[in-house]
Protein backbone atom coordinates (compact mmCIF):
# COMPACT_ATOMS: atom_id res chain seq x y z
CA THR A 1 12.55 -20.41 -1.81
CA SER A 2 9.51 -18.37 -0.89
CA SER A 3 9.82 -15.87 1.98
CA TYR A 4 10.35 -17.39 5.41
CA PRO A 5 9.50 -15.20 8.43
CA SER A 6 10.79 -17.97 10.70
CA PRO A 7 14.20 -17.14 12.29
CA THR A 8 14.79 -20.85 12.85
CA THR A 9 14.36 -21.70 9.16
CA LYS A 10 16.63 -18.81 8.17
CA LYS A 11 19.29 -20.05 10.57
CA ILE A 12 19.13 -23.56 9.11
CA ILE A 13 19.61 -22.17 5.59
CA ASN A 14 22.46 -19.89 6.70
CA ASP A 15 24.16 -22.77 8.52
CA PHE A 16 23.91 -24.84 5.35
CA ILE A 17 25.50 -22.03 3.31
CA ASP A 18 28.30 -21.75 5.88
CA VAL A 19 29.15 -25.40 5.23
CA TYR A 20 28.66 -25.11 1.44
CA PRO A 21 29.71 -21.53 0.53
CA ASN A 22 29.18 -22.16 -3.20
CA VAL A 23 25.41 -22.14 -2.52
CA SER A 24 23.33 -18.98 -3.02
CA HIS A 25 19.89 -18.46 -1.54
CA TYR A 26 17.24 -16.34 -3.28
CA TYR A 27 13.73 -15.50 -2.13
CA TYR A 28 10.91 -15.51 -4.66
CA ASP A 29 7.20 -15.19 -3.85
CA ALA A 30 4.50 -16.47 -6.21
CA ILE A 31 2.51 -13.30 -5.46
CA SER A 32 5.32 -10.79 -5.64
CA GLN A 33 5.57 -7.82 -3.28
CA SER A 34 9.01 -6.93 -4.57
CA ALA A 35 8.10 -3.37 -5.60
CA ALA A 36 6.67 -2.50 -2.18
CA LEU A 37 9.64 -4.12 -0.46
CA ASN A 38 12.08 -2.17 -2.64
CA ALA A 39 10.37 1.13 -1.83
CA PHE A 40 10.27 0.50 1.93
CA GLU A 41 13.89 -0.70 1.97
CA LYS A 42 15.00 2.43 0.12
CA ALA A 43 13.20 4.69 2.60
CA TYR A 44 13.95 2.84 5.87
CA ASN A 45 16.85 0.49 5.08
CA VAL A 46 14.73 -2.51 6.12
CA ARG A 47 13.34 -5.01 3.62
CA ALA A 48 9.82 -5.27 4.95
CA LEU A 49 6.23 -4.24 4.29
CA PRO A 50 4.59 -1.33 6.13
CA ALA A 51 1.98 -2.22 8.75
CA TYR A 52 -1.49 -0.65 8.56
CA ASP A 53 -4.08 -0.21 11.30
CA PHE A 54 -7.33 0.63 9.53
CA THR A 55 -9.11 1.18 12.87
CA LYS A 56 -7.34 4.57 12.88
CA ALA A 57 -8.46 5.49 9.37
CA LYS A 58 -10.95 8.24 8.67
CA CYS A 59 -10.18 8.18 4.94
CA ILE A 60 -8.78 5.36 2.83
CA VAL A 61 -7.74 5.85 -0.79
CA SER A 62 -6.79 2.66 -2.59
CA ILE A 63 -5.29 2.60 -6.07
CA GLY A 64 -5.38 -0.98 -7.30
CA ALA A 65 -4.91 -2.49 -3.83
CA ASP A 66 -7.29 -5.31 -2.90
CA PHE A 67 -6.39 -5.03 0.78
CA LEU A 68 -9.38 -7.06 1.98
CA ALA A 69 -7.95 -10.06 0.11
CA ASP A 70 -4.30 -11.14 0.09
CA TRP A 71 -2.65 -7.78 -0.67
CA GLN A 72 0.71 -7.59 1.12
CA GLY A 73 -0.01 -10.76 3.04
CA GLY A 74 -3.61 -9.90 3.95
CA GLY A 75 -5.07 -9.74 7.44
CA PHE A 76 -6.43 -6.19 7.21
CA ASP A 77 -10.12 -7.09 6.92
CA CYS A 78 -10.96 -7.22 10.66
CA ASN A 79 -9.59 -3.77 11.47
CA TYR A 80 -11.19 -2.34 8.33
CA ALA A 81 -14.60 -3.76 9.34
CA LYS A 82 -14.41 -2.12 12.79
CA LYS A 83 -14.37 1.33 11.19
CA ARG A 84 -17.16 0.57 8.73
CA VAL A 85 -19.93 0.51 11.34
CA PRO A 86 -22.28 3.49 10.73
CA LYS A 87 -22.39 5.19 14.12
CA LYS A 88 -21.84 8.69 15.46
CA VAL A 89 -19.43 9.96 18.10
CA LYS A 90 -20.15 13.45 19.49
CA GLY A 91 -22.61 14.00 16.67
CA LYS A 92 -20.11 13.12 13.93
CA SER A 93 -19.87 9.94 11.91
CA SER A 94 -16.99 7.72 13.01
CA MET A 95 -17.25 5.54 9.92
CA SER A 96 -14.27 5.66 7.57
CA LYS A 97 -14.67 6.87 3.99
CA HIS A 98 -13.24 4.59 1.33
CA PHE A 99 -12.29 5.50 -2.26
CA GLN A 100 -11.27 2.66 -4.59
CA PHE A 101 -9.61 3.07 -8.00
CA GLU A 102 -9.29 -0.30 -9.79
CA ALA A 103 -9.53 -2.00 -13.18
CA ASN A 104 -11.55 -5.07 -12.16
CA MET A 105 -14.13 -5.55 -9.45
CA SER A 106 -12.54 -6.81 -6.24
CA LEU A 107 -13.76 -7.64 -2.74
CA THR A 108 -12.28 -4.34 -1.55
CA GLY A 109 -13.90 -2.38 -4.36
CA ALA A 110 -17.28 -3.94 -3.61
CA ASN A 111 -17.09 -2.52 -0.07
CA ALA A 112 -15.95 0.98 -1.05
CA ASP A 113 -18.07 4.11 -0.67
CA HIS A 114 -16.81 5.38 -4.01
CA ARG A 115 -15.50 2.92 -6.60
CA PHE A 116 -14.03 4.13 -9.88
CA ALA A 117 -13.25 1.77 -12.77
CA VAL A 118 -9.83 2.86 -14.00
CA LYS A 119 -7.45 1.25 -16.50
CA PRO A 120 -4.10 0.09 -15.02
CA SER A 121 -2.28 2.66 -17.17
CA ASP A 122 -4.42 5.46 -15.73
CA GLN A 123 -3.89 4.33 -12.14
CA LYS A 124 -0.30 5.55 -12.27
CA LYS A 125 -1.46 8.91 -13.63
CA ILE A 126 -3.95 9.28 -10.77
CA LEU A 127 -1.27 8.43 -8.22
CA VAL A 128 1.14 11.01 -9.68
CA TYR A 129 -1.65 13.60 -9.85
CA ILE A 130 -2.54 13.05 -6.17
CA TYR A 131 1.15 13.30 -5.25
CA ASN A 132 1.59 16.56 -7.18
CA VAL A 133 -1.44 18.20 -5.57
CA ILE A 134 -0.54 17.15 -2.02
CA PHE A 135 3.08 18.27 -2.45
CA GLU A 136 1.96 21.41 -4.31
CA SER A 137 4.14 20.53 -7.29
CA ASN A 138 3.93 22.56 -10.48
CA GLU A 139 4.61 19.51 -12.61
CA ASN A 140 1.80 19.05 -15.13
CA ILE A 141 0.33 15.58 -15.51
CA GLN A 142 -2.02 14.87 -18.42
CA ILE A 143 -5.15 13.33 -16.97
CA GLU A 144 -8.66 12.98 -18.37
CA LYS A 145 -11.36 15.28 -17.02
CA ASP A 146 -13.40 12.48 -15.43
CA LEU A 147 -10.31 10.98 -13.78
CA LYS A 148 -9.33 14.40 -12.44
CA THR A 149 -12.80 14.82 -10.93
CA TYR A 150 -12.54 11.43 -9.21
CA ALA A 151 -9.01 12.15 -7.98
CA ASP A 152 -9.98 15.59 -6.64
CA LYS A 153 -12.70 14.02 -4.48
CA ALA A 154 -10.18 11.61 -3.01
CA ILE A 155 -7.59 14.36 -2.46
CA SER A 156 -10.11 16.55 -0.65
CA SER A 157 -10.96 13.70 1.72
CA LEU A 158 -7.27 12.89 2.28
CA LEU A 159 -6.39 16.47 3.18
CA ASN A 160 -9.44 16.94 5.40
CA SER A 161 -8.62 13.74 7.28
CA ALA A 162 -4.88 14.57 7.53
CA ASP A 163 -3.14 12.14 9.91
CA LYS A 164 -6.24 9.91 9.94
CA ALA A 165 -5.90 9.35 6.19
CA VAL A 166 -3.98 6.73 4.26
CA LEU A 167 -3.25 5.95 0.61
CA VAL A 168 -2.40 2.40 -0.46
CA THR A 169 -1.58 1.02 -3.88
CA GLY A 170 -1.19 -2.37 -5.49
CA ILE A 171 0.72 -1.04 -8.51
CA GLN A 172 3.69 -3.35 -9.03
CA ASP A 173 6.21 -0.59 -9.57
CA SER A 174 8.83 0.57 -7.06
CA TYR A 175 8.44 4.24 -8.04
CA ALA A 176 4.66 4.07 -7.52
CA GLN A 177 5.18 2.48 -4.10
CA GLU A 178 7.67 5.23 -3.20
CA LEU A 179 5.09 7.88 -4.12
CA ALA A 180 2.50 6.21 -1.89
CA LEU A 181 4.93 6.13 1.05
CA SER A 182 5.81 9.79 0.48
CA ILE A 183 2.14 10.81 0.43
CA ASN A 184 1.50 9.02 3.72
CA MET A 185 4.57 10.61 5.29
CA LYS A 186 3.43 14.05 4.09
CA LEU A 187 0.01 13.45 5.66
CA ASN A 188 1.75 12.23 8.83
CA SER A 189 -0.57 9.25 8.60
CA GLN A 190 -1.19 7.46 11.88
CA VAL A 191 -2.77 4.56 9.98
CA ILE A 192 0.58 3.33 8.70
CA ASP A 193 3.27 2.19 11.12
CA PHE A 194 6.65 2.93 9.55
CA TYR A 195 8.67 1.77 12.55
CA ASN A 196 7.15 -1.67 13.22
CA PRO A 197 6.93 -3.13 9.72
CA ARG A 198 5.72 -6.58 8.69
CA LEU A 199 8.65 -8.94 8.19
CA ILE A 200 6.60 -11.51 6.29
CA ARG A 201 8.04 -11.02 2.79
CA THR A 202 11.61 -10.66 1.53
CA GLY A 203 11.32 -11.72 -2.12
CA SER A 204 13.32 -9.80 -4.72
CA ASN A 205 12.54 -10.10 -8.41
CA PHE A 206 15.73 -8.18 -9.22
CA GLU A 207 18.01 -10.54 -7.30
CA LEU A 208 16.40 -13.55 -8.96
CA ASP A 209 16.58 -12.10 -12.47
CA LYS A 210 20.23 -11.10 -12.28
């Protein structure tokens, strides 16, 4: 079945399996979030998706995540919009800065301050490069000059915004999702809520394939 956040539905299925123990139940979502679920489960031992509050964001860096559409269940557009109003607080702009790295134009990319057209294969390189710089790793990643320039701008904004910064990614790869979580933890991001995750998806491509 697809993911069911309903405890009642889960209980019905479990009761059925109790009566017929030869039955196995697997979750599979048409729009898979398996990689993000795997990464979060590995870090926090809970199969869930992290919750984001973009009203707290001063800097948003998105690598292939169309978070104004249906990314990770959607519902982030209202909070994002609240921080995109150009106004000043104590003489400083309170509007969030948004960097978008993506292959194809998306609704999220159309609303970004800085949008960079990047091939899917290069998106992973940018993510690893950002990780290495933030964690001060000596590991060398081969990245084109233009991509490095784009990434450096995003990194500078992330570091300057510190706990008001967040990095999100739509790359369907568990390792990439782990890197994104690690970057947000390193920044001590207040935008992402690690302890009250979204229990709206449980699908596992691995469990279905095996």
